Amino acid sequence: MTETSTYANVTLDPRANVYFDGKCVSHTFHLADGTRKSAGVILPATLAFGTAAPEVMELHTGACRVRLAGSEDWVSYGAGDSFSVPGDSSFDIEITEPVSYVCHYG
């Protein structure tokens, strides 16, 4: 995983998406082809997220454990890892070190 990512012709929504009393903050951006992504930070906590569209979470820093809906197993991830979540689903995430991420939708 590289330290930076380059996206051509990006439109950034400057309004922050703030969840869980500020424990997760992200910004949404759109590529020229209409693809939606977000980039953000999650602070140490255990949180539950719902998904509408399928998501791929790409971790750039930090460490966490994830439990997908319907599973009893927690899986550990760190910088350079990614995990996928189906659409119309959910996942629990336990952040053990602050995580920076890019989320790819669809």
N, C-alpha and C. Protein backbone atom coordinates (compact mmCIF):
# COMPACT_ATOMS: atom_id res chain seq x y z
N MET A 1 0.84 -1.16 0.00
CA MET A 1 0.00 0.00 0.00
C MET A 1 0.89 1.24 0.00
N THR A 2 0.57 2.20 -0.83
CA THR A 2 1.35 3.42 -0.89
C THR A 2 0.89 4.38 0.20
N GLU A 3 1.74 5.35 0.49
CA GLU A 3 1.40 6.33 1.50
C GLU A 3 0.36 7.33 1.01
N THR A 4 0.34 7.58 -0.30
CA THR A 4 -0.64 8.49 -0.87
C THR A 4 -1.34 7.82 -2.04
N SER A 5 -2.54 8.29 -2.32
CA SER A 5 -3.29 7.83 -3.47
C SER A 5 -3.61 9.04 -4.33
N THR A 6 -3.58 8.86 -5.64
CA THR A 6 -3.89 9.94 -6.56
C THR A 6 -5.16 9.59 -7.30
N TYR A 7 -6.12 10.50 -7.29
CA TYR A 7 -7.37 10.34 -8.01
C TYR A 7 -7.54 11.57 -8.91
N ALA A 8 -7.71 11.35 -10.20
CA ALA A 8 -7.88 12.45 -11.14
C ALA A 8 -9.34 12.90 -11.15
N ASN A 9 -9.55 14.20 -11.36
CA ASN A 9 -10.89 14.76 -11.51
C ASN A 9 -11.81 14.38 -10.35
N VAL A 10 -11.39 14.70 -9.16
CA VAL A 10 -12.14 14.38 -7.94
C VAL A 10 -12.98 15.57 -7.50
N THR A 11 -14.21 15.28 -7.07
CA THR A 11 -15.06 16.29 -6.44
C THR A 11 -15.19 15.91 -4.98
N LEU A 12 -14.74 16.79 -4.09
CA LEU A 12 -14.75 16.53 -2.65
C LEU A 12 -15.90 17.28 -2.00
N ASP A 13 -16.66 16.58 -1.17
CA ASP A 13 -17.67 17.23 -0.35
C ASP A 13 -16.96 17.72 0.91
N PRO A 14 -16.83 19.03 1.09
CA PRO A 14 -16.05 19.54 2.23
C PRO A 14 -16.73 19.36 3.58
N ARG A 15 -18.01 18.99 3.60
CA ARG A 15 -18.71 18.77 4.87
C ARG A 15 -18.27 17.43 5.44
N ALA A 16 -17.89 17.43 6.68
CA ALA A 16 -17.45 16.19 7.34
C ALA A 16 -18.64 15.32 7.70
N ASN A 17 -18.46 14.02 7.54
CA ASN A 17 -19.41 13.02 8.05
C ASN A 17 -18.91 12.65 9.44
N VAL A 18 -19.65 12.99 10.47
CA VAL A 18 -19.23 12.75 11.84
C VAL A 18 -20.18 11.74 12.47
N TYR A 19 -19.63 10.61 12.92
CA TYR A 19 -20.42 9.54 13.49
C TYR A 19 -19.93 9.21 14.90
N PHE A 20 -20.81 8.64 15.70
CA PHE A 20 -20.45 8.12 17.02
C PHE A 20 -19.74 9.17 17.88
N ASP A 21 -20.37 10.35 17.98
CA ASP A 21 -19.84 11.44 18.81
C ASP A 21 -18.41 11.80 18.45
N GLY A 22 -18.07 11.75 17.16
CA GLY A 22 -16.75 12.16 16.69
C GLY A 22 -15.71 11.05 16.67
N LYS A 23 -16.09 9.84 17.03
CA LYS A 23 -15.12 8.73 17.00
C LYS A 23 -14.79 8.31 15.57
N CYS A 24 -15.67 8.64 14.61
CA CYS A 24 -15.42 8.37 13.20
C CYS A 24 -15.75 9.64 12.41
N VAL A 25 -14.77 10.13 11.67
CA VAL A 25 -14.96 11.33 10.85
C VAL A 25 -14.42 11.04 9.46
N SER A 26 -15.23 11.34 8.44
CA SER A 26 -14.79 11.08 7.07
C SER A 26 -15.26 12.20 6.15
N HIS A 27 -14.71 12.20 4.93
CA HIS A 27 -15.14 13.09 3.86
C HIS A 27 -15.45 12.23 2.64
N THR A 28 -16.54 12.55 1.99
CA THR A 28 -16.95 11.83 0.79
C THR A 28 -16.38 12.54 -0.43
N PHE A 29 -15.94 11.73 -1.41
CA PHE A 29 -15.51 12.31 -2.68
C PHE A 29 -16.00 11.44 -3.82
N HIS A 30 -16.13 12.06 -4.99
CA HIS A 30 -16.64 11.39 -6.18
C HIS A 30 -15.61 11.50 -7.30
N LEU A 31 -15.38 10.41 -8.00
CA LEU A 31 -14.49 10.40 -9.15
C LEU A 31 -15.27 10.82 -10.39
N ALA A 32 -14.56 11.13 -11.46
CA ALA A 32 -15.19 11.59 -12.69
C ALA A 32 -16.21 10.60 -13.23
N ASP A 33 -16.00 9.29 -12.99
CA ASP A 33 -16.94 8.28 -13.50
C ASP A 33 -18.15 8.09 -12.59
N GLY A 34 -18.26 8.91 -11.53
CA GLY A 34 -19.40 8.83 -10.62
C GLY A 34 -19.17 7.94 -9.41
N THR A 35 -18.04 7.24 -9.37
CA THR A 35 -17.72 6.37 -8.23
C THR A 35 -17.63 7.20 -6.96
N ARG A 36 -18.24 6.70 -5.88
CA ARG A 36 -18.21 7.39 -4.58
C ARG A 36 -17.24 6.67 -3.66
N LYS A 37 -16.44 7.44 -2.93
CA LYS A 37 -15.51 6.92 -1.95
C LYS A 37 -15.54 7.84 -0.73
N SER A 38 -14.97 7.38 0.36
CA SER A 38 -14.77 8.27 1.51
C SER A 38 -13.42 7.98 2.11
N ALA A 39 -12.86 8.98 2.75
CA ALA A 39 -11.59 8.85 3.44
C ALA A 39 -11.79 9.42 4.84
N GLY A 40 -11.28 8.70 5.84
CA GLY A 40 -11.51 9.17 7.19
C GLY A 40 -10.63 8.54 8.23
N VAL A 41 -10.99 8.80 9.48
CA VAL A 41 -10.25 8.32 10.65
C VAL A 41 -11.27 7.79 11.65
N ILE A 42 -10.93 6.66 12.28
CA ILE A 42 -11.74 6.13 13.37
C ILE A 42 -10.84 6.03 14.61
N LEU A 43 -11.30 6.60 15.70
CA LEU A 43 -10.54 6.58 16.96
C LEU A 43 -10.87 5.31 17.75
N PRO A 44 -10.03 4.94 18.72
CA PRO A 44 -10.28 3.72 19.50
C PRO A 44 -11.69 3.67 20.08
N ALA A 45 -12.39 2.59 19.76
CA ALA A 45 -13.77 2.37 20.20
C ALA A 45 -14.23 1.04 19.61
N THR A 46 -15.38 0.58 20.04
CA THR A 46 -16.06 -0.55 19.40
C THR A 46 -17.36 -0.02 18.86
N LEU A 47 -17.54 -0.11 17.54
CA LEU A 47 -18.66 0.52 16.85
C LEU A 47 -19.36 -0.48 15.95
N ALA A 48 -20.62 -0.21 15.62
CA ALA A 48 -21.39 -1.04 14.70
C ALA A 48 -21.83 -0.17 13.53
N PHE A 49 -21.50 -0.60 12.32
CA PHE A 49 -21.85 0.12 11.10
C PHE A 49 -22.82 -0.71 10.27
N GLY A 50 -23.75 -0.06 9.60
CA GLY A 50 -24.61 -0.69 8.62
C GLY A 50 -24.15 -0.28 7.24
N THR A 51 -24.40 -1.14 6.25
CA THR A 51 -24.01 -0.83 4.88
C THR A 51 -25.25 -0.84 3.99
N ALA A 52 -25.29 0.06 3.04
CA ALA A 52 -26.33 0.04 2.00
C ALA A 52 -25.75 -0.65 0.77
N ALA A 53 -24.63 -0.12 0.29
CA ALA A 53 -23.93 -0.71 -0.86
C ALA A 53 -22.78 -1.57 -0.35
N PRO A 54 -22.28 -2.48 -1.18
CA PRO A 54 -21.06 -3.21 -0.78
C PRO A 54 -19.93 -2.22 -0.53
N GLU A 55 -19.04 -2.55 0.40
CA GLU A 55 -17.92 -1.67 0.75
C GLU A 55 -16.63 -2.47 0.84
N VAL A 56 -15.54 -1.82 0.45
CA VAL A 56 -14.21 -2.33 0.71
C VAL A 56 -13.51 -1.26 1.53
N MET A 57 -13.11 -1.64 2.74
CA MET A 57 -12.39 -0.73 3.63
C MET A 57 -10.90 -1.02 3.49
N GLU A 58 -10.15 -0.01 3.08
CA GLU A 58 -8.71 -0.10 2.86
C GLU A 58 -8.02 0.67 3.99
N LEU A 59 -7.30 -0.02 4.85
CA LEU A 59 -6.66 0.61 6.00
C LEU A 59 -5.28 1.12 5.63
N HIS A 60 -5.01 2.38 5.99
CA HIS A 60 -3.70 2.98 5.70
C HIS A 60 -2.83 3.08 6.94
N THR A 61 -3.44 3.26 8.11
CA THR A 61 -2.71 3.25 9.37
C THR A 61 -3.59 2.61 10.43
N GLY A 62 -2.99 2.20 11.52
CA GLY A 62 -3.74 1.71 12.67
C GLY A 62 -3.98 0.22 12.68
N ALA A 63 -4.85 -0.21 13.61
CA ALA A 63 -5.16 -1.63 13.77
C ALA A 63 -6.59 -1.76 14.30
N CYS A 64 -7.24 -2.85 13.88
CA CYS A 64 -8.61 -3.09 14.30
C CYS A 64 -8.95 -4.57 14.20
N ARG A 65 -10.11 -4.90 14.77
CA ARG A 65 -10.72 -6.23 14.60
C ARG A 65 -12.10 -6.00 14.03
N VAL A 66 -12.52 -6.89 13.14
CA VAL A 66 -13.82 -6.74 12.47
C VAL A 66 -14.60 -8.04 12.60
N ARG A 67 -15.91 -7.90 12.85
CA ARG A 67 -16.81 -9.05 12.85
C ARG A 67 -17.96 -8.72 11.89
N LEU A 68 -18.06 -9.51 10.82
CA LEU A 68 -19.13 -9.30 9.84
C LEU A 68 -20.44 -9.84 10.38
N ALA A 69 -21.55 -9.29 9.90
CA ALA A 69 -22.87 -9.75 10.30
C ALA A 69 -22.99 -11.25 10.07
N GLY A 70 -23.56 -11.95 11.04
CA GLY A 70 -23.76 -13.39 10.92
C GLY A 70 -22.58 -14.23 11.33
N SER A 71 -21.47 -13.59 11.67
CA SER A 71 -20.27 -14.32 12.08
C SER A 71 -20.03 -14.11 13.56
N GLU A 72 -19.46 -15.10 14.20
CA GLU A 72 -19.04 -14.95 15.59
C GLU A 72 -17.55 -14.63 15.68
N ASP A 73 -16.84 -14.73 14.56
CA ASP A 73 -15.39 -14.57 14.53
C ASP A 73 -14.97 -13.13 14.30
N TRP A 74 -14.00 -12.69 15.07
CA TRP A 74 -13.35 -11.40 14.87
C TRP A 74 -12.09 -11.66 14.06
N VAL A 75 -11.82 -10.79 13.07
CA VAL A 75 -10.62 -10.91 12.24
C VAL A 75 -9.82 -9.62 12.41
N SER A 76 -8.51 -9.76 12.62
CA SER A 76 -7.63 -8.60 12.83
C SER A 76 -7.10 -8.06 11.50
N TYR A 77 -7.03 -6.72 11.43
CA TYR A 77 -6.50 -6.03 10.25
C TYR A 77 -5.58 -4.91 10.70
N GLY A 78 -4.63 -4.56 9.84
CA GLY A 78 -3.72 -3.46 10.12
C GLY A 78 -3.43 -2.67 8.86
N ALA A 79 -2.52 -1.72 8.97
CA ALA A 79 -2.14 -0.89 7.83
C ALA A 79 -1.76 -1.77 6.65
N GLY A 80 -2.30 -1.44 5.49
CA GLY A 80 -2.03 -2.19 4.27
C GLY A 80 -3.04 -3.28 3.99
N ASP A 81 -3.92 -3.57 4.95
CA ASP A 81 -4.95 -4.59 4.77
C ASP A 81 -6.25 -3.95 4.29
N SER A 82 -7.14 -4.79 3.78
CA SER A 82 -8.49 -4.34 3.44
C SER A 82 -9.47 -5.46 3.75
N PHE A 83 -10.73 -5.11 3.91
CA PHE A 83 -11.77 -6.11 4.10
C PHE A 83 -13.02 -5.65 3.37
N SER A 84 -13.84 -6.63 2.99
CA SER A 84 -15.06 -6.36 2.23
C SER A 84 -16.29 -6.65 3.08
N VAL A 85 -17.31 -5.83 2.88
CA VAL A 85 -18.58 -5.99 3.57
C VAL A 85 -19.69 -5.97 2.51
N PRO A 86 -20.57 -6.96 2.51
CA PRO A 86 -21.67 -6.96 1.53
C PRO A 86 -22.61 -5.77 1.73
N GLY A 87 -23.36 -5.43 0.68
CA GLY A 87 -24.39 -4.40 0.79
C GLY A 87 -25.54 -4.90 1.64
N ASP A 88 -26.33 -3.98 2.17
CA ASP A 88 -27.48 -4.31 3.04
C ASP A 88 -27.06 -5.26 4.16
N SER A 89 -25.97 -4.94 4.81
CA SER A 89 -25.42 -5.78 5.86
C SER A 89 -24.92 -4.88 6.99
N SER A 90 -24.05 -5.44 7.82
CA SER A 90 -23.47 -4.65 8.91
C SER A 90 -22.17 -5.31 9.35
N PHE A 91 -21.41 -4.55 10.14
CA PHE A 91 -20.20 -5.10 10.74
C PHE A 91 -19.90 -4.36 12.03
N ASP A 92 -19.26 -5.07 12.94
CA ASP A 92 -18.75 -4.47 14.17
C ASP A 92 -17.26 -4.27 13.96
N ILE A 93 -16.75 -3.16 14.47
CA ILE A 93 -15.32 -2.89 14.36
C ILE A 93 -14.80 -2.41 15.70
N GLU A 94 -13.72 -3.01 16.14
CA GLU A 94 -13.05 -2.62 17.38
C GLU A 94 -11.72 -2.01 16.98
N ILE A 95 -11.57 -0.73 17.21
CA ILE A 95 -10.34 -0.01 16.86
C ILE A 95 -9.41 -0.07 18.05
N THR A 96 -8.22 -0.63 17.85
CA THR A 96 -7.24 -0.73 18.93
C THR A 96 -6.16 0.33 18.79
N GLU A 97 -5.93 0.81 17.57
CA GLU A 97 -5.04 1.95 17.29
C GLU A 97 -5.76 2.79 16.25
N PRO A 98 -5.75 4.14 16.37
CA PRO A 98 -6.49 4.96 15.42
C PRO A 98 -6.24 4.51 13.97
N VAL A 99 -7.33 4.38 13.22
CA VAL A 99 -7.29 3.88 11.85
C VAL A 99 -7.58 5.01 10.87
N SER A 100 -6.74 5.15 9.85
CA SER A 100 -7.10 5.99 8.71
C SER A 100 -7.42 5.04 7.57
N TYR A 101 -8.44 5.41 6.78
CA TYR A 101 -8.94 4.48 5.78
C TYR A 101 -9.48 5.20 4.56
N VAL A 102 -9.61 4.44 3.48
CA VAL A 102 -10.39 4.84 2.32
C VAL A 102 -11.43 3.75 2.13
N CYS A 103 -12.68 4.15 1.99
CA CYS A 103 -13.78 3.21 1.78
C CYS A 103 -14.23 3.33 0.33
N HIS A 104 -14.26 2.19 -0.34
CA HIS A 104 -14.70 2.11 -1.74
C HIS A 104 -16.11 1.51 -1.74
N TYR A 105 -17.07 2.19 -2.36
CA TYR A 105 -18.46 1.75 -2.36
C TYR A 105 -18.85 1.14 -3.71
N GLY A 106 -19.76 0.17 -3.66
CA GLY A 106 -20.33 -0.38 -4.88
C GLY A 106 -19.64 -1.60 -5.41
